[in-house]
Amino acid sequence: MGSRDQLRGLPSPVATPPEVGRLAGALSPDLDFPSVENRNRGGRLAFSDLARAKGEEYTLYRKDAQQHWDSMKSSYQKGKKYSKMGQAADERASQEIFRARNKSIENAITIDLHGQHVKQAMRLLKCHLLLPSIQKLRVITGCGSHGSGKSKLKQMVIKLAQKEGIECAEENQGTVVMKLGGARDFSFLDFDSDSD
């Protein structure tokens, strides 16, 4: 007997319309399938009832998927918020660590304004006062004419320090030391004039 003869006795591998209905009913007994006559139109199977039942199931799954999507989106937005808060906390911690480790280090700068005109010297002094890392500024003003100790420049430096609330002291006749600390907001920034 040939292989073709052996296959003739076996059921067809392609299901006929009545078999499809029975198979689908067996797989999903809760679905109500219409008769084969209603489904068989023009030699084709019409699975609209099956599709409608599957469509309702699809709608339920889509609703669940949308809820999961909304939950994920909310979690993502919360994560971004907490990430920004974490970055800000890291920055604050970095600054505090820097201050703690560097508090004993005194950043002192010496500038020599001796021989400058008062207006230009004051402009240079103000520029140095704006440097954020300076804790101590030593300003060499000179002693004035013939070493009298009454230098116009020195008087203007002391006057500026008093006006801005900067602690200052004369180190010697020709030098003023200013102690700067923390954040500073200078009133001379509000004026366009370099008169003082």
N, C-alpha and C. Protein backbone atom coordinates (compact mmCIF):
# COMPACT_ATOMS: atom_id res chain seq x y z
N MET A 1 0.83 -1.18 0.00
CA MET A 1 0.00 0.00 0.00
C MET A 1 0.88 1.24 0.00
N GLY A 2 0.52 2.19 -0.88
CA GLY A 2 1.31 3.40 -0.97
C GLY A 2 0.92 4.41 0.11
N SER A 3 1.73 5.45 0.21
CA SER A 3 1.48 6.47 1.23
C SER A 3 0.17 7.21 0.98
N ARG A 4 -0.22 7.33 -0.28
CA ARG A 4 -1.49 8.01 -0.57
C ARG A 4 -2.67 7.18 -0.08
N ASP A 5 -2.56 5.91 -0.22
CA ASP A 5 -3.64 5.06 0.24
C ASP A 5 -3.77 5.12 1.75
N GLN A 6 -2.66 5.27 2.44
CA GLN A 6 -2.70 5.35 3.90
C GLN A 6 -3.37 6.64 4.35
N LEU A 7 -3.16 7.74 3.62
CA LEU A 7 -3.71 9.03 4.00
C LEU A 7 -5.21 9.11 3.72
N ARG A 8 -5.72 8.31 2.79
CA ARG A 8 -7.13 8.41 2.42
C ARG A 8 -8.04 8.05 3.57
N GLY A 9 -7.64 7.25 4.44
CA GLY A 9 -8.49 6.85 5.55
C GLY A 9 -8.50 7.84 6.70
N LEU A 10 -7.59 8.81 6.69
CA LEU A 10 -7.49 9.78 7.79
C LEU A 10 -8.42 10.95 7.56
N PRO A 11 -8.86 11.62 8.64
CA PRO A 11 -9.71 12.79 8.48
C PRO A 11 -8.93 13.92 7.81
N SER A 12 -9.66 14.77 7.14
CA SER A 12 -9.05 15.88 6.42
C SER A 12 -8.39 16.85 7.40
N PRO A 13 -7.15 17.35 7.10
CA PRO A 13 -6.50 18.31 8.01
C PRO A 13 -7.16 19.68 7.95
N VAL A 14 -7.94 19.97 6.93
CA VAL A 14 -8.62 21.26 6.82
C VAL A 14 -10.03 21.06 7.34
N ALA A 15 -10.43 21.89 8.29
CA ALA A 15 -11.74 21.75 8.90
C ALA A 15 -12.81 22.31 7.99
N THR A 16 -13.92 21.64 7.93
CA THR A 16 -15.08 22.13 7.18
C THR A 16 -15.86 23.07 8.08
N PRO A 17 -16.74 23.91 7.52
CA PRO A 17 -17.49 24.87 8.34
C PRO A 17 -18.18 24.26 9.54
N PRO A 18 -18.86 23.13 9.46
CA PRO A 18 -19.49 22.60 10.67
C PRO A 18 -18.46 22.20 11.72
N GLU A 19 -17.32 21.72 11.28
CA GLU A 19 -16.28 21.33 12.23
C GLU A 19 -15.69 22.55 12.93
N VAL A 20 -15.54 23.65 12.20
CA VAL A 20 -15.02 24.88 12.80
C VAL A 20 -15.95 25.34 13.91
N GLY A 21 -17.24 25.32 13.65
CA GLY A 21 -18.20 25.72 14.67
C GLY A 21 -18.11 24.84 15.90
N ARG A 22 -18.01 23.53 15.68
CA ARG A 22 -17.90 22.61 16.81
C ARG A 22 -16.59 22.82 17.58
N LEU A 23 -15.50 23.01 16.83
CA LEU A 23 -14.20 23.23 17.48
C LEU A 23 -14.20 24.52 18.29
N ALA A 24 -14.72 25.58 17.70
CA ALA A 24 -14.75 26.86 18.42
C ALA A 24 -15.63 26.76 19.64
N GLY A 25 -16.78 26.05 19.52
CA GLY A 25 -17.67 25.87 20.68
C GLY A 25 -17.01 25.04 21.75
N ALA A 26 -16.22 24.06 21.35
CA ALA A 26 -15.53 23.21 22.33
C ALA A 26 -14.44 24.00 23.05
N LEU A 27 -13.77 24.92 22.33
CA LEU A 27 -12.70 25.71 22.94
C LEU A 27 -13.26 26.79 23.87
N SER A 28 -14.39 27.38 23.50
CA SER A 28 -15.00 28.44 24.30
C SER A 28 -16.47 28.14 24.48
N PRO A 29 -16.82 27.25 25.42
CA PRO A 29 -18.21 26.86 25.57
C PRO A 29 -19.09 28.01 26.07
N ASP A 30 -18.50 29.04 26.67
CA ASP A 30 -19.30 30.15 27.18
C ASP A 30 -19.80 31.08 26.07
N LEU A 31 -19.24 30.96 24.87
CA LEU A 31 -19.67 31.80 23.76
C LEU A 31 -20.82 31.11 23.02
N ASP A 32 -21.77 31.88 22.65
CA ASP A 32 -22.92 31.35 21.94
C ASP A 32 -22.68 31.51 20.44
N PHE A 33 -22.43 30.41 19.74
CA PHE A 33 -22.15 30.45 18.32
C PHE A 33 -23.45 30.27 17.53
N PRO A 34 -23.62 31.05 16.49
CA PRO A 34 -24.81 30.88 15.65
C PRO A 34 -24.69 29.59 14.83
N SER A 35 -25.76 29.24 14.24
CA SER A 35 -25.76 28.01 13.44
C SER A 35 -24.83 28.17 12.25
N VAL A 36 -24.45 27.02 11.69
CA VAL A 36 -23.54 27.03 10.57
C VAL A 36 -24.17 27.74 9.39
N GLU A 37 -25.49 27.62 9.24
CA GLU A 37 -26.15 28.24 8.10
C GLU A 37 -26.01 29.77 8.15
N ASN A 38 -26.13 30.34 9.36
CA ASN A 38 -26.02 31.80 9.48
C ASN A 38 -24.57 32.27 9.28
N ARG A 39 -23.65 31.39 9.61
CA ARG A 39 -22.25 31.78 9.49
C ARG A 39 -21.70 31.54 8.10
N ASN A 40 -22.28 30.64 7.40
CA ASN A 40 -21.76 30.27 6.09
C ASN A 40 -22.48 31.07 5.02
N ARG A 41 -21.82 32.13 4.59
CA ARG A 41 -22.39 33.01 3.57
C ARG A 41 -21.45 33.04 2.38
N GLY A 42 -21.92 32.57 1.26
CA GLY A 42 -21.11 32.62 0.05
C GLY A 42 -19.88 31.76 0.14
N GLY A 43 -19.93 30.69 0.86
CA GLY A 43 -18.79 29.78 0.94
C GLY A 43 -17.75 30.23 1.95
N ARG A 44 -17.96 31.33 2.64
CA ARG A 44 -16.99 31.82 3.64
C ARG A 44 -17.62 31.75 5.01
N LEU A 45 -16.76 31.62 5.99
CA LEU A 45 -17.25 31.64 7.36
C LEU A 45 -17.33 33.09 7.83
N ALA A 46 -18.44 33.44 8.42
CA ALA A 46 -18.57 34.79 9.00
C ALA A 46 -18.43 34.65 10.50
N PHE A 47 -17.34 35.14 11.01
CA PHE A 47 -17.08 35.02 12.45
C PHE A 47 -17.41 36.31 13.19
N SER A 48 -18.40 37.04 12.74
CA SER A 48 -18.70 38.33 13.36
C SER A 48 -19.13 38.17 14.82
N ASP A 49 -19.88 37.10 15.09
CA ASP A 49 -20.28 36.90 16.49
C ASP A 49 -19.07 36.59 17.35
N LEU A 50 -18.17 35.77 16.83
CA LEU A 50 -16.94 35.46 17.56
C LEU A 50 -16.09 36.72 17.72
N ALA A 51 -16.01 37.49 16.64
CA ALA A 51 -15.23 38.73 16.70
C ALA A 51 -15.84 39.71 17.68
N ARG A 52 -17.17 39.78 17.71
CA ARG A 52 -17.84 40.69 18.65
C ARG A 52 -17.53 40.28 20.09
N ALA A 53 -17.59 38.98 20.36
CA ALA A 53 -17.28 38.49 21.70
C ALA A 53 -15.82 38.77 22.03
N LYS A 54 -14.95 38.56 21.07
CA LYS A 54 -13.53 38.84 21.28
C LYS A 54 -13.31 40.34 21.44
N GLY A 55 -14.12 41.16 20.73
CA GLY A 55 -14.00 42.62 20.83
C GLY A 55 -14.32 43.13 22.22
N GLU A 56 -15.32 42.52 22.86
CA GLU A 56 -15.66 42.91 24.24
C GLU A 56 -14.51 42.55 25.17
N GLU A 57 -13.95 41.38 24.94
CA GLU A 57 -12.80 40.95 25.74
C GLU A 57 -11.62 41.89 25.50
N TYR A 58 -11.42 42.26 24.24
CA TYR A 58 -10.35 43.20 23.88
C TYR A 58 -10.54 44.53 24.61
N THR A 59 -11.78 45.02 24.64
CA THR A 59 -12.08 46.29 25.32
C THR A 59 -11.70 46.21 26.79
N LEU A 60 -12.01 45.08 27.41
CA LEU A 60 -11.65 44.91 28.82
C LEU A 60 -10.13 44.92 29.00
N TYR A 61 -9.42 44.22 28.10
CA TYR A 61 -7.96 44.20 28.19
C TYR A 61 -7.37 45.58 27.94
N ARG A 62 -7.93 46.32 26.99
CA ARG A 62 -7.45 47.69 26.70
C ARG A 62 -7.66 48.58 27.91
N LYS A 63 -8.78 48.42 28.58
CA LYS A 63 -9.06 49.22 29.78
C LYS A 63 -8.01 48.94 30.85
N ASP A 64 -7.70 47.64 31.07
CA ASP A 64 -6.66 47.28 32.03
C ASP A 64 -5.30 47.84 31.61
N ALA A 65 -5.01 47.73 30.32
CA ALA A 65 -3.73 48.24 29.82
C ALA A 65 -3.63 49.75 30.03
N GLN A 66 -4.72 50.48 29.81
CA GLN A 66 -4.71 51.93 30.00
C GLN A 66 -4.48 52.28 31.47
N GLN A 67 -5.11 51.50 32.37
CA GLN A 67 -4.89 51.73 33.81
C GLN A 67 -3.43 51.50 34.18
N HIS A 68 -2.83 50.45 33.63
CA HIS A 68 -1.41 50.19 33.90
C HIS A 68 -0.54 51.30 33.33
N TRP A 69 -0.88 51.78 32.15
CA TRP A 69 -0.13 52.87 31.52
C TRP A 69 -0.21 54.13 32.39
N ASP A 70 -1.42 54.47 32.84
CA ASP A 70 -1.59 55.66 33.69
C ASP A 70 -0.81 55.52 34.99
N SER A 71 -0.82 54.34 35.57
CA SER A 71 -0.06 54.09 36.81
C SER A 71 1.44 54.25 36.56
N MET A 72 1.92 53.70 35.43
CA MET A 72 3.34 53.82 35.09
C MET A 72 3.73 55.28 34.87
N LYS A 73 2.86 56.01 34.16
CA LYS A 73 3.14 57.42 33.88
C LYS A 73 3.22 58.22 35.18
N SER A 74 2.31 57.96 36.09
CA SER A 74 2.31 58.64 37.39
C SER A 74 3.59 58.32 38.16
N SER A 75 3.98 57.05 38.14
CA SER A 75 5.21 56.65 38.84
C SER A 75 6.43 57.31 38.22
N TYR A 76 6.44 57.42 36.89
CA TYR A 76 7.56 58.06 36.20
C TYR A 76 7.67 59.53 36.59
N GLN A 77 6.53 60.22 36.65
CA GLN A 77 6.55 61.64 37.03
C GLN A 77 7.00 61.81 38.47
N LYS A 78 6.57 60.92 39.36
CA LYS A 78 7.03 60.97 40.75
C LYS A 78 8.54 60.72 40.80
N GLY A 79 9.00 59.78 39.98
CA GLY A 79 10.43 59.48 39.95
C GLY A 79 11.25 60.68 39.51
N LYS A 80 10.77 61.42 38.49
CA LYS A 80 11.46 62.62 38.04
C LYS A 80 11.52 63.65 39.16
N LYS A 81 10.41 63.82 39.87
CA LYS A 81 10.35 64.79 40.97
C LYS A 81 11.37 64.42 42.05
N TYR A 82 11.39 63.14 42.44
CA TYR A 82 12.32 62.71 43.48
C TYR A 82 13.76 62.75 43.00
N SER A 83 13.97 62.55 41.71
CA SER A 83 15.32 62.65 41.16
C SER A 83 15.84 64.08 41.29
N LYS A 84 14.99 65.07 40.96
CA LYS A 84 15.39 66.47 41.10
C LYS A 84 15.66 66.82 42.56
N MET A 85 14.81 66.31 43.45
CA MET A 85 15.03 66.57 44.88
C MET A 85 16.34 65.96 45.34
N GLY A 86 16.65 64.77 44.83
CA GLY A 86 17.92 64.10 45.17
C GLY A 86 19.12 64.87 44.67
N GLN A 87 19.03 65.40 43.45
CA GLN A 87 20.13 66.19 42.90
C GLN A 87 20.35 67.46 43.71
N ALA A 88 19.26 68.11 44.12
CA ALA A 88 19.39 69.32 44.94
C ALA A 88 20.02 68.99 46.29
N ALA A 89 19.61 67.87 46.89
CA ALA A 89 20.19 67.45 48.17
C ALA A 89 21.68 67.13 48.00
N ASP A 90 22.05 66.49 46.90
CA ASP A 90 23.46 66.19 46.63
C ASP A 90 24.27 67.49 46.53
N GLU A 91 23.72 68.48 45.85
CA GLU A 91 24.43 69.76 45.69
C GLU A 91 24.63 70.45 47.05
N ARG A 92 23.56 70.45 47.87
CA ARG A 92 23.68 71.06 49.22
C ARG A 92 24.72 70.31 50.05
N ALA A 93 24.69 68.99 49.98
CA ALA A 93 25.65 68.20 50.74
C ALA A 93 27.07 68.47 50.28
N SER A 94 27.25 68.60 48.97
CA SER A 94 28.58 68.90 48.43
C SER A 94 29.10 70.23 48.96
N GLN A 95 28.24 71.23 48.97
CA GLN A 95 28.65 72.55 49.47
C GLN A 95 28.98 72.51 50.96
N GLU A 96 28.17 71.78 51.74
CA GLU A 96 28.44 71.67 53.17
C GLU A 96 29.75 70.93 53.45
N ILE A 97 30.00 69.89 52.70
CA ILE A 97 31.25 69.14 52.86
C ILE A 97 32.44 70.04 52.52
N PHE A 98 32.30 70.81 51.42
CA PHE A 98 33.38 71.71 51.02
C PHE A 98 33.65 72.73 52.13
N ARG A 99 32.57 73.34 52.66
CA ARG A 99 32.76 74.34 53.72
C ARG A 99 33.42 73.72 54.95
N ALA A 100 32.96 72.54 55.34
CA ALA A 100 33.50 71.88 56.53
C ALA A 100 34.99 71.55 56.37
N ARG A 101 35.36 71.09 55.20
CA ARG A 101 36.76 70.70 54.99
C ARG A 101 37.68 71.89 54.74
N ASN A 102 37.10 73.00 54.33
CA ASN A 102 37.93 74.16 54.00
C ASN A 102 37.77 75.34 54.95
N LYS A 103 37.07 75.13 56.08
CA LYS A 103 36.83 76.27 56.97
C LYS A 103 38.11 76.78 57.63
N SER A 104 39.09 75.92 57.80
CA SER A 104 40.34 76.36 58.42
C SER A 104 41.30 76.99 57.41
N ILE A 105 40.98 76.86 56.13
CA ILE A 105 41.82 77.44 55.10
C ILE A 105 41.35 78.86 54.84
N GLU A 106 42.25 79.78 54.99
CA GLU A 106 41.88 81.18 54.80
C GLU A 106 42.36 81.63 53.42
N ASN A 107 41.40 82.00 52.60
CA ASN A 107 41.73 82.52 51.28
C ASN A 107 42.00 84.01 51.40
N ALA A 108 43.25 84.35 51.45
CA ALA A 108 43.66 85.74 51.60
C ALA A 108 44.33 86.21 50.32
N ILE A 109 43.94 87.39 49.89
CA ILE A 109 44.53 88.00 48.70
C ILE A 109 45.05 89.37 49.09
N THR A 110 46.19 89.70 48.54
CA THR A 110 46.77 91.03 48.75
C THR A 110 46.77 91.76 47.42
N ILE A 111 46.23 92.97 47.45
CA ILE A 111 46.29 93.82 46.26
C ILE A 111 47.01 95.11 46.62
N ASP A 112 47.83 95.58 45.72
CA ASP A 112 48.60 96.80 45.96
C ASP A 112 48.01 97.91 45.10
N LEU A 113 47.34 98.84 45.75
CA LEU A 113 46.73 99.98 45.05
C LEU A 113 47.56 101.25 45.21
N HIS A 114 48.69 101.10 45.86
CA HIS A 114 49.58 102.22 46.09
C HIS A 114 50.01 102.82 44.75
N GLY A 115 49.88 104.11 44.62
CA GLY A 115 50.28 104.81 43.41
C GLY A 115 49.14 104.96 42.40
N GLN A 116 47.97 104.37 42.66
CA GLN A 116 46.82 104.48 41.75
C GLN A 116 46.03 105.75 42.09
N HIS A 117 45.32 106.28 41.12
CA HIS A 117 44.37 107.35 41.41
C HIS A 117 43.21 106.74 42.19
N VAL A 118 42.57 107.53 43.02
CA VAL A 118 41.53 107.03 43.92
C VAL A 118 40.40 106.33 43.13
N LYS A 119 39.91 106.98 42.08
CA LYS A 119 38.78 106.42 41.33
C LYS A 119 39.13 105.05 40.74
N GLN A 120 40.26 104.91 40.09
CA GLN A 120 40.66 103.64 39.50
C GLN A 120 40.94 102.59 40.59
N ALA A 121 41.55 103.03 41.69
CA ALA A 121 41.86 102.11 42.79
C ALA A 121 40.58 101.56 43.41
N MET A 122 39.57 102.41 43.57
CA MET A 122 38.31 101.96 44.16
C MET A 122 37.59 100.98 43.22
N ARG A 123 37.68 101.22 41.94
CA ARG A 123 37.08 100.30 40.97
C ARG A 123 37.75 98.93 41.07
N LEU A 124 39.07 98.90 41.17
CA LEU A 124 39.79 97.63 41.31
C LEU A 124 39.43 96.93 42.63
N LEU A 125 39.32 97.70 43.69
CA LEU A 125 38.95 97.13 44.99
C LEU A 125 37.57 96.49 44.93
N LYS A 126 36.61 97.19 44.32
CA LYS A 126 35.25 96.65 44.22
C LYS A 126 35.23 95.36 43.40
N CYS A 127 36.01 95.30 42.36
CA CYS A 127 36.10 94.06 41.56
C CYS A 127 36.60 92.90 42.41
N HIS A 128 37.59 93.14 43.25
CA HIS A 128 38.12 92.09 44.11
C HIS A 128 37.15 91.72 45.22
N LEU A 129 36.36 92.67 45.68
CA LEU A 129 35.36 92.37 46.71
C LEU A 129 34.27 91.43 46.19
N LEU A 130 34.05 91.44 44.89
CA LEU A 130 33.02 90.60 44.29
C LEU A 130 33.45 89.14 44.12
N LEU A 131 34.73 88.86 44.26
CA LEU A 131 35.20 87.48 44.13
C LEU A 131 34.66 86.66 45.29
N PRO A 132 33.93 85.58 45.03
CA PRO A 132 33.23 84.86 46.09
C PRO A 132 34.11 84.06 47.04
N SER A 133 35.29 83.65 46.61
CA SER A 133 36.10 82.77 47.45
C SER A 133 37.02 83.51 48.41
N ILE A 134 37.08 84.82 48.31
CA ILE A 134 38.00 85.58 49.17
C ILE A 134 37.41 85.73 50.57
N GLN A 135 38.20 85.37 51.56
CA GLN A 135 37.78 85.54 52.95
C GLN A 135 38.49 86.72 53.61
N LYS A 136 39.67 87.02 53.09
CA LYS A 136 40.45 88.11 53.67
C LYS A 136 41.13 88.86 52.53
N LEU A 137 40.94 90.17 52.51
CA LEU A 137 41.54 91.00 51.47
C LEU A 137 42.46 92.02 52.11
N ARG A 138 43.72 91.89 51.77
CA ARG A 138 44.72 92.83 52.28
C ARG A 138 44.95 93.88 51.19
N VAL A 139 44.68 95.15 51.53
CA VAL A 139 44.76 96.24 50.56
C VAL A 139 45.91 97.17 50.95
N ILE A 140 46.89 97.22 50.08
CA ILE A 140 48.01 98.15 50.31
C ILE A 140 47.61 99.48 49.69
N THR A 141 47.46 100.48 50.54
CA THR A 141 47.01 101.80 50.07
C THR A 141 48.15 102.81 50.02
N GLY A 142 49.20 102.55 50.75
CA GLY A 142 50.27 103.54 50.89
C GLY A 142 49.94 104.45 52.07
N CYS A 143 50.93 105.24 52.45
CA CYS A 143 50.78 106.10 53.64
C CYS A 143 50.31 107.51 53.31
N GLY A 144 50.26 107.84 52.07
CA GLY A 144 49.89 109.21 51.72
C GLY A 144 51.13 110.01 51.42
N SER A 145 50.94 111.30 51.22
CA SER A 145 52.06 112.19 50.91
C SER A 145 53.05 112.22 52.04
N HIS A 146 54.26 111.90 51.71
CA HIS A 146 55.39 112.01 52.64
C HIS A 146 55.21 111.12 53.87
N GLY A 147 54.46 110.03 53.77
CA GLY A 147 54.34 109.07 54.87
C GLY A 147 53.57 109.59 56.06
N SER A 148 52.63 110.50 55.85
CA SER A 148 51.87 111.09 56.96
C SER A 148 50.82 110.14 57.52
N GLY A 149 50.45 109.08 56.78
CA GLY A 149 49.44 108.13 57.25
C GLY A 149 48.02 108.56 56.98
N LYS A 150 47.86 109.69 56.24
CA LYS A 150 46.52 110.19 55.94
C LYS A 150 46.25 110.09 54.45
N SER A 151 46.42 108.91 53.91
CA SER A 151 46.22 108.68 52.49
C SER A 151 44.74 108.82 52.13
N LYS A 152 44.46 109.54 51.02
CA LYS A 152 43.07 109.67 50.56
C LYS A 152 42.51 108.30 50.20
N LEU A 153 43.34 107.51 49.57
CA LEU A 153 42.92 106.18 49.16
C LEU A 153 42.57 105.33 50.38
N LYS A 154 43.40 105.37 51.39
CA LYS A 154 43.16 104.59 52.60
C LYS A 154 41.85 105.02 53.26
N GLN A 155 41.60 106.30 53.29
CA GLN A 155 40.37 106.80 53.89
C GLN A 155 39.14 106.31 53.10
N MET A 156 39.24 106.30 51.78
CA MET A 156 38.13 105.83 50.94
C MET A 156 37.91 104.32 51.12
N VAL A 157 38.99 103.56 51.27
CA VAL A 157 38.87 102.12 51.48
C VAL A 157 38.15 101.84 52.80
N ILE A 158 38.55 102.55 53.85
CA ILE A 158 37.92 102.38 55.16
C ILE A 158 36.45 102.82 55.12
N LYS A 159 36.18 103.92 54.43
CA LYS A 159 34.81 104.43 54.31
C LYS A 159 33.92 103.41 53.58
N LEU A 160 34.44 102.82 52.50
CA LEU A 160 33.69 101.81 51.75
C LEU A 160 33.41 100.59 52.64
N ALA A 161 34.42 100.15 53.39
CA ALA A 161 34.25 98.99 54.28
C ALA A 161 33.16 99.26 55.32
N GLN A 162 33.18 100.45 55.90
CA GLN A 162 32.17 100.79 56.90
C GLN A 162 30.77 100.83 56.28
N LYS A 163 30.67 101.44 55.10
CA LYS A 163 29.39 101.55 54.40
C LYS A 163 28.81 100.18 54.06
N GLU A 164 29.67 99.24 53.69
CA GLU A 164 29.22 97.90 53.29
C GLU A 164 29.15 96.93 54.47
N GLY A 165 29.51 97.37 55.66
CA GLY A 165 29.46 96.50 56.82
C GLY A 165 30.55 95.45 56.84
N ILE A 166 31.70 95.78 56.24
CA ILE A 166 32.83 94.85 56.17
C ILE A 166 33.76 95.14 57.35
N GLU A 167 34.10 94.10 58.06
CA GLU A 167 35.04 94.26 59.17
C GLU A 167 36.42 94.57 58.60
N CYS A 168 37.02 95.65 59.07
CA CYS A 168 38.35 96.00 58.57
C CYS A 168 39.21 96.56 59.70
N ALA A 169 40.51 96.47 59.50
CA ALA A 169 41.47 96.99 60.49
C ALA A 169 42.73 97.40 59.75
N GLU A 170 43.41 98.37 60.32
CA GLU A 170 44.69 98.80 59.75
C GLU A 170 45.77 97.85 60.23
N GLU A 171 46.42 97.21 59.28
CA GLU A 171 47.51 96.31 59.63
C GLU A 171 48.77 97.12 59.96
N ASN A 172 48.97 98.17 59.21
CA ASN A 172 50.04 99.13 59.46
C ASN A 172 49.61 100.44 58.81
N GLN A 173 50.47 101.43 58.76
CA GLN A 173 50.09 102.75 58.23
C GLN A 173 49.62 102.72 56.79
N GLY A 174 50.13 101.79 56.00
CA GLY A 174 49.79 101.78 54.58
C GLY A 174 49.00 100.57 54.12
N THR A 175 48.44 99.78 55.08
CA THR A 175 47.71 98.57 54.70
C THR A 175 46.42 98.42 55.51
N VAL A 176 45.35 98.09 54.80
CA VAL A 176 44.05 97.83 55.44
C VAL A 176 43.68 96.38 55.15
N VAL A 177 43.27 95.66 56.19
CA VAL A 177 42.85 94.26 56.03
C VAL A 177 41.34 94.19 56.20
N MET A 178 40.67 93.61 55.21
CA MET A 178 39.22 93.44 55.25
C MET A 178 38.90 91.96 55.43
N LYS A 179 38.00 91.66 56.36
CA LYS A 179 37.56 90.28 56.58
C LYS A 179 36.19 90.12 55.95
N LEU A 180 36.13 89.26 54.96
CA LEU A 180 34.89 89.02 54.23
C LEU A 180 34.39 87.63 54.59
N GLY A 181 33.12 87.49 54.81
CA GLY A 181 32.60 86.16 55.15
C GLY A 181 31.20 85.97 54.61
N GLY A 182 30.94 84.77 54.11
CA GLY A 182 29.60 84.40 53.65
C GLY A 182 29.16 85.17 52.42
N ALA A 183 27.87 85.05 52.17
CA ALA A 183 27.28 85.73 51.02
C ALA A 183 27.28 87.22 51.25
N ARG A 184 27.62 87.95 50.20
CA ARG A 184 27.70 89.40 50.33
C ARG A 184 26.81 90.06 49.28
N ASP A 185 26.14 91.10 49.70
CA ASP A 185 25.30 91.88 48.80
C ASP A 185 25.73 93.33 48.97
N PHE A 186 26.49 93.82 48.02
CA PHE A 186 27.06 95.16 48.15
C PHE A 186 26.14 96.22 47.58
N SER A 187 26.06 97.34 48.29
CA SER A 187 25.21 98.44 47.82
C SER A 187 25.82 99.13 46.61
N PHE A 188 27.12 99.05 46.44
CA PHE A 188 27.73 99.73 45.28
C PHE A 188 27.34 99.06 43.96
N LEU A 189 26.74 97.89 44.02
CA LEU A 189 26.28 97.24 42.80
C LEU A 189 25.01 97.93 42.26
N ASP A 190 24.31 98.67 43.12
CA ASP A 190 23.08 99.34 42.73
C ASP A 190 23.34 100.64 41.98
N PHE A 191 24.56 101.12 42.00
CA PHE A 191 24.86 102.42 41.39
C PHE A 191 25.77 102.24 40.19
N ASP A 192 25.59 103.11 39.21
CA ASP A 192 26.45 103.10 38.03
C ASP A 192 27.67 103.98 38.24
N SER A 193 27.68 104.72 39.31
CA SER A 193 28.74 105.69 39.54
C SER A 193 29.90 105.06 40.29
N ASP A 194 31.11 105.50 39.97
CA ASP A 194 32.30 105.07 40.71
C ASP A 194 32.83 106.21 41.54
N SER A 195 31.94 107.09 42.00
CA SER A 195 32.39 108.28 42.72
C SER A 195 32.99 107.94 44.08
N ASP A 196 32.54 106.83 44.70
CA ASP A 196 33.13 106.54 46.01
C ASP A 196 33.93 105.31 45.98
